[in-house]
C-alpha atoms as a PDB file:
ATOM      1  CA  UNK A   1      16.429   8.672  -1.946  1.00  0.00           C
ATOM      2  CA  UNK A   2      12.711   8.864  -1.264  1.00  0.00           C
ATOM      3  CA  UNK A   3      13.085  12.223   0.520  1.00  0.00           C
ATOM      4  CA  UNK A   4      15.078  13.600  -2.396  1.00  0.00           C
ATOM      5  CA  UNK A   5      12.109  12.915  -4.660  1.00  0.00           C
ATOM      6  CA  UNK A   6       9.596  14.632  -2.359  1.00  0.00           C
ATOM      7  CA  UNK A   7       9.801  17.961  -4.240  1.00  0.00           C
ATOM      8  CA  UNK A   8       8.983  16.206  -7.501  1.00  0.00           C
ATOM      9  CA  UNK A   9       5.989  14.498  -5.878  1.00  0.00           C
ATOM     10  CA  UNK A  10       4.748  17.823  -4.487  1.00  0.00           C
ATOM     11  CA  UNK A  11       4.913  19.295  -7.991  1.00  0.00           C
ATOM     12  CA  UNK A  12       2.873  16.398  -9.420  1.00  0.00           C
ATOM     13  CA  UNK A  13       0.358  16.827  -6.637  1.00  0.00           C
ATOM     14  CA  UNK A  14      -0.090  20.538  -7.368  1.00  0.00           C
ATOM     15  CA  UNK A  15      -0.616  19.706 -11.032  1.00  0.00           C
ATOM     16  CA  UNK A  16      -3.302  17.230 -10.088  1.00  0.00           C
ATOM     17  CA  UNK A  17      -5.101  19.921  -8.116  1.00  0.00           C
ATOM     18  CA  UNK A  18      -4.852  22.413 -10.955  1.00  0.00           C
ATOM     19  CA  UNK A  19      -6.034  19.939 -13.593  1.00  0.00           C
ATOM     20  CA  UNK A  20      -9.007  18.610 -11.625  1.00  0.00           C
ATOM     21  CA  UNK A  21     -12.175  18.641 -13.714  1.00  0.00           C
ATOM     22  CA  UNK A  22     -14.508  16.855 -11.376  1.00  0.00           C
ATOM     23  CA  UNK A  23     -14.883  13.151 -10.660  1.00  0.00           C
ATOM     24  CA  UNK A  24     -14.789  10.828 -13.634  1.00  0.00           C
ATOM     25  CA  UNK A  25     -17.957   8.912 -14.401  1.00  0.00           C
ATOM     26  CA  UNK A  26     -17.669   5.328 -13.341  1.00  0.00           C
ATOM     27  CA  UNK A  27     -19.096   2.418 -15.234  1.00  0.00           C
ATOM     28  CA  UNK A  28     -20.009  -0.690 -13.318  1.00  0.00           C
ATOM     29  CA  UNK A  29     -18.150  -3.893 -14.015  1.00  0.00           C
ATOM     30  CA  UNK A  30     -14.762  -5.478 -13.557  1.00  0.00           C
ATOM     31  CA  UNK A  31     -11.423  -4.808 -15.230  1.00  0.00           C
ATOM     32  CA  UNK A  32     -10.943  -7.390 -17.974  1.00  0.00           C
ATOM     33  CA  UNK A  33      -8.054  -8.607 -20.096  1.00  0.00           C
ATOM     34  CA  UNK A  34      -9.026 -10.758 -23.044  1.00  0.00           C
ATOM     35  CA  UNK A  35     -12.540 -11.260 -21.692  1.00  0.00           C
ATOM     36  CA  UNK A  36     -11.391 -12.343 -18.216  1.00  0.00           C
ATOM     37  CA  UNK A  37     -11.637 -10.473 -14.939  1.00  0.00           C
ATOM     38  CA  UNK A  38      -8.325  -8.922 -13.973  1.00  0.00           C
ATOM     39  CA  UNK A  39      -7.025  -9.874 -10.533  1.00  0.00           C
ATOM     40  CA  UNK A  40      -4.834  -8.071  -8.027  1.00  0.00           C
ATOM     41  CA  UNK A  41      -2.988 -10.300  -5.583  1.00  0.00           C
ATOM     42  CA  UNK A  42      -2.352  -8.270  -2.420  1.00  0.00           C
ATOM     43  CA  UNK A  43       0.329  -9.959  -0.320  1.00  0.00           C
ATOM     44  CA  UNK A  44       0.931  -8.409   3.062  1.00  0.00           C
ATOM     45  CA  UNK A  45       4.557  -8.228   4.064  1.00  0.00           C
ATOM     46  CA  UNK A  46       5.711 -10.798   6.592  1.00  0.00           C
ATOM     47  CA  UNK A  47       6.120  -9.822  10.224  1.00  0.00           C
ATOM     48  CA  UNK A  48       9.278  -8.089  11.453  1.00  0.00           C
ATOM     49  CA  UNK A  49      10.553  -7.868  15.028  1.00  0.00           C
ATOM     50  CA  UNK A  50       9.052  -4.410  15.354  1.00  0.00           C
ATOM     51  CA  UNK A  51       5.669  -5.719  14.223  1.00  0.00           C
ATOM     52  CA  UNK A  52       5.848  -8.513  16.801  1.00  0.00           C
ATOM     53  CA  UNK A  53       6.713  -5.979  19.513  1.00  0.00           C
ATOM     54  CA  UNK A  54       3.961  -3.611  18.286  1.00  0.00           C
ATOM     55  CA  UNK A  55       6.418  -0.825  17.531  1.00  0.00           C
ATOM     56  CA  UNK A  56       5.661   1.883  14.981  1.00  0.00           C
ATOM     57  CA  UNK A  57       7.299   0.885  11.718  1.00  0.00           C
ATOM     58  CA  UNK A  58       7.491   2.716   8.429  1.00  0.00           C
ATOM     59  CA  UNK A  59      10.044   2.253   5.657  1.00  0.00           C
ATOM     60  CA  UNK A  60      12.750   0.758   7.895  1.00  0.00           C
ATOM     61  CA  UNK A  61      14.920  -1.952   6.361  1.00  0.00           C
ATOM     62  CA  UNK A  62      14.078  -4.776   8.773  1.00  0.00           C
ATOM     63  CA  UNK A  63      14.335  -8.535   8.172  1.00  0.00           C
ATOM     64  CA  UNK A  64      11.359 -10.847   8.376  1.00  0.00           C
ATOM     65  CA  UNK A  65      11.111 -13.021  11.501  1.00  0.00           C
ATOM     66  CA  UNK A  66      11.072 -16.816  11.365  1.00  0.00           C
ATOM     67  CA  UNK A  67       7.434 -16.754  12.464  1.00  0.00           C
ATOM     68  CA  UNK A  68       6.634 -14.156   9.817  1.00  0.00           C
ATOM     69  CA  UNK A  69       8.290 -16.237   7.113  1.00  0.00           C
ATOM     70  CA  UNK A  70       6.376 -19.371   8.152  1.00  0.00           C
ATOM     71  CA  UNK A  71       3.046 -17.515   8.266  1.00  0.00           C
ATOM     72  CA  UNK A  72       3.705 -15.974   4.853  1.00  0.00           C
ATOM     73  CA  UNK A  73       4.568 -19.325   3.287  1.00  0.00           C
ATOM     74  CA  UNK A  74       1.484 -20.983   4.774  1.00  0.00           C
ATOM     75  CA  UNK A  75      -0.824 -18.187   3.576  1.00  0.00           C
ATOM     76  CA  UNK A  76       0.622 -18.259   0.056  1.00  0.00           C
ATOM     77  CA  UNK A  77       0.393 -22.038  -0.234  1.00  0.00           C
ATOM     78  CA  UNK A  78      -3.235 -21.882   0.855  1.00  0.00           C
ATOM     79  CA  UNK A  79      -3.990 -19.082  -1.631  1.00  0.00           C
ATOM     80  CA  UNK A  80      -2.211 -20.936  -4.447  1.00  0.00           C
ATOM     81  CA  UNK A  81      -4.668 -23.829  -4.091  1.00  0.00           C
ATOM     82  CA  UNK A  82      -7.509 -21.583  -5.294  1.00  0.00           C
ATOM     83  CA  UNK A  83      -8.436 -21.712  -9.003  1.00  0.00           C
ATOM     84  CA  UNK A  84      -7.308 -18.148  -9.764  1.00  0.00           C
ATOM     85  CA  UNK A  85      -4.818 -16.838 -12.297  1.00  0.00           C
ATOM     86  CA  UNK A  86      -1.487 -16.291 -10.560  1.00  0.00           C
ATOM     87  CA  UNK A  87       0.576 -13.128 -11.081  1.00  0.00           C
ATOM     88  CA  UNK A  88       3.368 -13.144 -13.622  1.00  0.00           C
ATOM     89  CA  UNK A  89       5.046 -10.252 -11.802  1.00  0.00           C
ATOM     90  CA  UNK A  90       5.131  -9.526  -8.075  1.00  0.00           C
ATOM     91  CA  UNK A  91       5.909  -5.889  -7.289  1.00  0.00           C
ATOM     92  CA  UNK A  92       7.367  -5.091  -3.883  1.00  0.00           C
ATOM     93  CA  UNK A  93       9.162  -2.446  -1.774  1.00  0.00           C
ATOM     94  CA  UNK A  94      12.902  -2.796  -1.285  1.00  0.00           C
ATOM     95  CA  UNK A  95      13.165  -3.450   2.462  1.00  0.00           C
ATOM     96  CA  UNK A  96      14.422  -6.879   3.567  1.00  0.00           C
ATOM     97  CA  UNK A  97      11.088  -8.197   4.835  1.00  0.00           C
ATOM     98  CA  UNK A  98       9.317  -7.196   1.618  1.00  0.00           C
ATOM     99  CA  UNK A  99      12.014  -8.756  -0.576  1.00  0.00           C
ATOM    100  CA  UNK A 100      11.818 -12.016   1.399  1.00  0.00           C
ATOM    101  CA  UNK A 101       8.019 -11.997   1.174  1.00  0.00           C
ATOM    102  CA  UNK A 102       8.155 -11.420  -2.589  1.00  0.00           C
ATOM    103  CA  UNK A 103      10.776 -14.166  -3.003  1.00  0.00           C
ATOM    104  CA  UNK A 104       8.555 -16.668  -1.182  1.00  0.00           C
ATOM    105  CA  UNK A 105       5.573 -15.535  -3.266  1.00  0.00           C
ATOM    106  CA  UNK A 106       7.552 -15.937  -6.476  1.00  0.00           C
ATOM    107  CA  UNK A 107       8.547 -19.499  -5.627  1.00  0.00           C
ATOM    108  CA  UNK A 108       5.010 -20.545  -4.702  1.00  0.00           C
ATOM    109  CA  UNK A 109       3.027 -18.595  -7.302  1.00  0.00           C
ATOM    110  CA  UNK A 110       5.595 -18.700 -10.084  1.00  0.00           C
ATOM    111  CA  UNK A 111       5.911 -14.946 -10.666  1.00  0.00           C
ATOM    112  CA  UNK A 112       9.088 -12.906 -11.047  1.00  0.00           C
ATOM    113  CA  UNK A 113      10.003 -10.177  -8.552  1.00  0.00           C
ATOM    114  CA  UNK A 114      10.162  -6.493  -9.400  1.00  0.00           C
ATOM    115  CA  UNK A 115      11.315  -4.039  -6.735  1.00  0.00           C
ATOM    116  CA  UNK A 116       9.776  -0.577  -6.458  1.00  0.00           C
ATOM    117  CA  UNK A 117      10.764   1.779  -3.640  1.00  0.00           C
ATOM    118  CA  UNK A 118       7.613   3.848  -4.239  1.00  0.00           C
ATOM    119  CA  UNK A 119       5.564   1.022  -2.666  1.00  0.00           C
ATOM    120  CA  UNK A 120       7.190   1.512   0.752  1.00  0.00           C
ATOM    121  CA  UNK A 121       5.282   2.615   3.832  1.00  0.00           C
ATOM    122  CA  UNK A 122       5.892   6.237   4.936  1.00  0.00           C
ATOM    123  CA  UNK A 123       9.074   7.105   6.823  1.00  0.00           C
ATOM    124  CA  UNK A 124       8.126   7.547  10.485  1.00  0.00           C
ATOM    125  CA  UNK A 125      10.967   9.882  11.466  1.00  0.00           C
ATOM    126  CA  UNK A 126      11.415  10.184  15.235  1.00  0.00           C
ATOM    127  CA  UNK A 127       8.328   8.004  15.787  1.00  0.00           C
ATOM    128  CA  UNK A 128      10.014   4.959  14.259  1.00  0.00           C
ATOM    129  CA  UNK A 129      10.530   2.100  16.678  1.00  0.00           C
ATOM    130  CA  UNK A 130       8.533   3.447  19.622  1.00  0.00           C
ATOM    131  CA  UNK A 131       5.645   1.558  21.194  1.00  0.00           C
ATOM    132  CA  UNK A 132       2.108   2.901  21.419  1.00  0.00           C
ATOM    133  CA  UNK A 133       2.607   3.458  25.152  1.00  0.00           C
ATOM    134  CA  UNK A 134       5.729   5.524  24.465  1.00  0.00           C
ATOM    135  CA  UNK A 135       3.858   7.423  21.759  1.00  0.00           C
ATOM    136  CA  UNK A 136       1.112   8.342  24.248  1.00  0.00           C
ATOM    137  CA  UNK A 137       3.672   9.506  26.819  1.00  0.00           C
ATOM    138  CA  UNK A 138       5.815  11.575  24.456  1.00  0.00           C
ATOM    139  CA  UNK A 139       3.450  12.663  21.668  1.00  0.00           C
ATOM    140  CA  UNK A 140      -0.053  12.786  23.139  1.00  0.00           C
ATOM    141  CA  UNK A 141      -1.733  14.577  20.221  1.00  0.00           C
ATOM    142  CA  UNK A 142      -0.090  12.389  17.603  1.00  0.00           C
ATOM    143  CA  UNK A 143      -0.998   9.284  19.621  1.00  0.00           C
ATOM    144  CA  UNK A 144      -4.679  10.235  19.430  1.00  0.00           C
ATOM    145  CA  UNK A 145      -4.313  10.857  15.717  1.00  0.00           C
ATOM    146  CA  UNK A 146      -2.561   7.502  15.205  1.00  0.00           C
ATOM    147  CA  UNK A 147      -5.352   5.631  16.962  1.00  0.00           C
ATOM    148  CA  UNK A 148      -8.315   7.540  15.495  1.00  0.00           C
ATOM    149  CA  UNK A 149      -7.285   8.504  11.952  1.00  0.00           C
ATOM    150  CA  UNK A 150      -3.599   8.754  10.980  1.00  0.00           C
ATOM    151  CA  UNK A 151      -4.316   9.539   7.312  1.00  0.00           C
ATOM    152  CA  UNK A 152      -3.096  13.143   7.777  1.00  0.00           C
ATOM    153  CA  UNK A 153      -0.348  12.379  10.306  1.00  0.00           C
ATOM    154  CA  UNK A 154       2.938  14.248   9.816  1.00  0.00           C
ATOM    155  CA  UNK A 155       5.686  12.367  11.707  1.00  0.00           C
ATOM    156  CA  UNK A 156       8.497  14.685  12.906  1.00  0.00           C
ATOM    157  CA  UNK A 157      11.407  14.288  10.454  1.00  0.00           C
ATOM    158  CA  UNK A 158       9.313  11.745   8.525  1.00  0.00           C
ATOM    159  CA  UNK A 159       7.105  11.646   5.449  1.00  0.00           C
ATOM    160  CA  UNK A 160       3.621  13.196   5.727  1.00  0.00           C
ATOM    161  CA  UNK A 161       1.065  10.428   5.369  1.00  0.00           C
ATOM    162  CA  UNK A 162      -0.817  12.430   2.723  1.00  0.00           C
ATOM    163  CA  UNK A 163       2.341  12.481   0.584  1.00  0.00           C
ATOM    164  CA  UNK A 164       2.923   8.770   1.164  1.00  0.00           C
ATOM    165  CA  UNK A 165      -0.660   8.004   0.180  1.00  0.00           C
ATOM    166  CA  UNK A 166      -0.306   9.919  -3.102  1.00  0.00           C
ATOM    167  CA  UNK A 167       3.035   8.220  -3.800  1.00  0.00           C
ATOM    168  CA  UNK A 168       1.613   4.733  -3.221  1.00  0.00           C
ATOM    169  CA  UNK A 169      -1.480   5.368  -5.334  1.00  0.00           C
ATOM    170  CA  UNK A 170       0.584   6.794  -8.194  1.00  0.00           C
ATOM    171  CA  UNK A 171       2.855   3.734  -8.034  1.00  0.00           C
ATOM    172  CA  UNK A 172      -0.192   1.441  -8.216  1.00  0.00           C
ATOM    173  CA  UNK A 173      -1.627   3.360 -11.172  1.00  0.00           C
ATOM    174  CA  UNK A 174       1.696   3.068 -12.986  1.00  0.00           C
ATOM    175  CA  UNK A 175       2.110  -0.672 -12.426  1.00  0.00           C
ATOM    176  CA  UNK A 176      -1.520  -1.422 -13.387  1.00  0.00           C
ATOM    177  CA  UNK A 177      -1.046   0.489 -16.643  1.00  0.00           C
ATOM    178  CA  UNK A 178       2.284  -1.129 -17.456  1.00  0.00           C
ATOM    179  CA  UNK A 179       1.369  -4.686 -16.512  1.00  0.00           C
ATOM    180  CA  UNK A 180      -1.049  -6.199 -19.021  1.00  0.00           C
ATOM    181  CA  UNK A 181      -1.317  -9.695 -17.570  1.00  0.00           C
ATOM    182  CA  UNK A 182      -4.529 -11.169 -16.159  1.00  0.00           C
ATOM    183  CA  UNK A 183      -3.158 -11.116 -12.617  1.00  0.00           C
ATOM    184  CA  UNK A 184      -0.847  -8.623 -10.916  1.00  0.00           C
ATOM    185  CA  UNK A 185       0.870  -9.222  -7.580  1.00  0.00           C
ATOM    186  CA  UNK A 186       1.936  -6.587  -5.071  1.00  0.00           C
ATOM    187  CA  UNK A 187       3.606  -6.927  -1.672  1.00  0.00           C
ATOM    188  CA  UNK A 188       2.602  -4.155   0.724  1.00  0.00           C
ATOM    189  CA  UNK A 189       3.007  -3.356   4.387  1.00  0.00           C
ATOM    190  CA  UNK A 190      -0.177  -2.671   6.349  1.00  0.00           C
ATOM    191  CA  UNK A 191      -0.330   1.106   5.878  1.00  0.00           C
ATOM    192  CA  UNK A 192       0.288   0.868   2.145  1.00  0.00           C
ATOM    193  CA  UNK A 193      -2.311  -1.860   1.701  1.00  0.00           C
ATOM    194  CA  UNK A 194      -4.813   0.199   3.698  1.00  0.00           C
ATOM    195  CA  UNK A 195      -4.245   3.290   1.557  1.00  0.00           C
ATOM    196  CA  UNK A 196      -4.800   1.291  -1.651  1.00  0.00           C
ATOM    197  CA  UNK A 197      -7.887  -0.529  -0.391  1.00  0.00           C
ATOM    198  CA  UNK A 198      -9.450   2.762   0.775  1.00  0.00           C
ATOM    199  CA  UNK A 199      -8.699   4.435  -2.561  1.00  0.00           C
ATOM    200  CA  UNK A 200     -10.282   1.607  -4.576  1.00  0.00           C
ATOM    201  CA  UNK A 201     -13.339   1.843  -2.313  1.00  0.00           C
ATOM    202  CA  UNK A 202     -13.626   5.559  -3.088  1.00  0.00           C
ATOM    203  CA  UNK A 203     -12.677   6.799   0.393  1.00  0.00           C
ATOM    204  CA  UNK A 204     -10.292   9.788   0.135  1.00  0.00           C
ATOM    205  CA  UNK A 205      -9.461   9.708   3.833  1.00  0.00           C
ATOM    206  CA  UNK A 206      -9.800   7.399   6.792  1.00  0.00           C
ATOM    207  CA  UNK A 207      -7.740   5.170   9.043  1.00  0.00           C
ATOM    208  CA  UNK A 208      -5.591   3.040   6.682  1.00  0.00           C
ATOM    209  CA  UNK A 209      -4.886   0.498   9.423  1.00  0.00           C
ATOM    210  CA  UNK A 210      -8.585  -0.201   9.976  1.00  0.00           C
ATOM    211  CA  UNK A 211      -9.053  -0.925   6.285  1.00  0.00           C
ATOM    212  CA  UNK A 212      -6.831  -3.986   6.796  1.00  0.00           C
ATOM    213  CA  UNK A 213      -8.016  -5.167  10.217  1.00  0.00           C
ATOM    214  CA  UNK A 214      -9.022  -8.807  10.146  1.00  0.00           C
ATOM    215  CA  UNK A 215      -7.864  -9.273   6.551  1.00  0.00           C
ATOM    216  CA  UNK A 216      -5.887 -12.291   5.405  1.00  0.00           C
ATOM    217  CA  UNK A 217      -2.173 -12.204   4.665  1.00  0.00           C
ATOM    218  CA  UNK A 218      -2.910 -12.943   1.006  1.00  0.00           C
ATOM    219  CA  UNK A 219      -5.978 -11.646  -0.800  1.00  0.00           C
ATOM    220  CA  UNK A 220      -7.109 -11.808  -4.403  1.00  0.00           C
ATOM    221  CA  UNK A 221      -9.099  -8.764  -5.471  1.00  0.00           C
ATOM    222  CA  UNK A 222     -11.222  -8.651  -8.616  1.00  0.00           C
ATOM    223  CA  UNK A 223     -10.363  -5.209  -9.960  1.00  0.00           C
ATOM    224  CA  UNK A 224     -13.280  -2.987 -10.996  1.00  0.00           C
ATOM    225  CA  UNK A 225     -13.207  -1.884 -14.628  1.00  0.00           C
ATOM    226  CA  UNK A 226     -12.508   1.673 -13.500  1.00  0.00           C
ATOM    227  CA  UNK A 227      -9.793   0.753 -10.981  1.00  0.00           C
ATOM    228  CA  UNK A 228      -7.224   3.176 -12.422  1.00  0.00           C
ATOM    229  CA  UNK A 229      -9.804   5.979 -12.595  1.00  0.00           C
ATOM    230  CA  UNK A 230     -10.801   5.337  -8.987  1.00  0.00           C
ATOM    231  CA  UNK A 231      -7.213   5.522  -7.825  1.00  0.00           C
ATOM    232  CA  UNK A 232      -6.568   8.742  -9.741  1.00  0.00           C
ATOM    233  CA  UNK A 233      -9.841  10.288  -8.549  1.00  0.00           C
ATOM    234  CA  UNK A 234      -8.952   9.564  -4.919  1.00  0.00           C
ATOM    235  CA  UNK A 235      -5.758  11.615  -5.300  1.00  0.00           C
ATOM    236  CA  UNK A 236      -7.669  14.464  -6.966  1.00  0.00           C
ATOM    237  CA  UNK A 237     -10.329  14.412  -4.244  1.00  0.00           C
ATOM    238  CA  UNK A 238      -7.752  14.804  -1.487  1.00  0.00           C
ATOM    239  CA  UNK A 239      -6.199  17.661  -3.475  1.00  0.00           C
ATOM    240  CA  UNK A 240      -9.563  19.414  -3.517  1.00  0.00           C
ATOM    241  CA  UNK A 241     -10.056  18.869   0.218  1.00  0.00           C
ATOM    242  CA  UNK A 242      -6.629  20.338   0.952  1.00  0.00           C
ATOM    243  CA  UNK A 243      -7.260  23.361  -1.281  1.00  0.00           C
ATOM    244  CA  UNK A 244     -10.638  24.189   0.271  1.00  0.00           C
END
């Protein structure tokens, strides 16, 4: 289904390039609803077998492991003890591990689940399921790219990472605009979370995995007042880089 929508995404991307009018001016401050800072709960998807075996994983429909479920529950219970507003809605991809993670989050934080396939990590094509050692043996150039900066990686028979990045950012923009509560929750795999964190930081490109290295399984981000503008500008900036 996601591949069938790729042409539509390419069209939106070309429109973004054509309509670019320069970076929007940013005002300092935090996004507020009713005078309060708006929060984004970023919940990293629980570990799958492929994660445990350090295999390349994209949008595969894999179940969460028992260890991943326990670690997710522990992290959420710890986060729930903080005096922050909890999300009324928890958005998540549709793979099994993400659904389980969102279900656990909903029980602990009290939010309802809402599935969104646009939040999935990119399809890895023929790279899916192979280890880093196998990647180095079979795809030497792509292995270097994966380790140094996979933001422009194009997996054979998979989804180009640039396209996945645009898709994820557009999905985040849409859910932030539609959801008017003080706190919004989103379950993301590591690549998706890295793309979003980099975009909010104003970095159009870079290694999405390194943006999440050493981060907790559950984080609460205070959204800047111009969060939506930052996300949109990051897509426009990449469009300019590609066109130059």
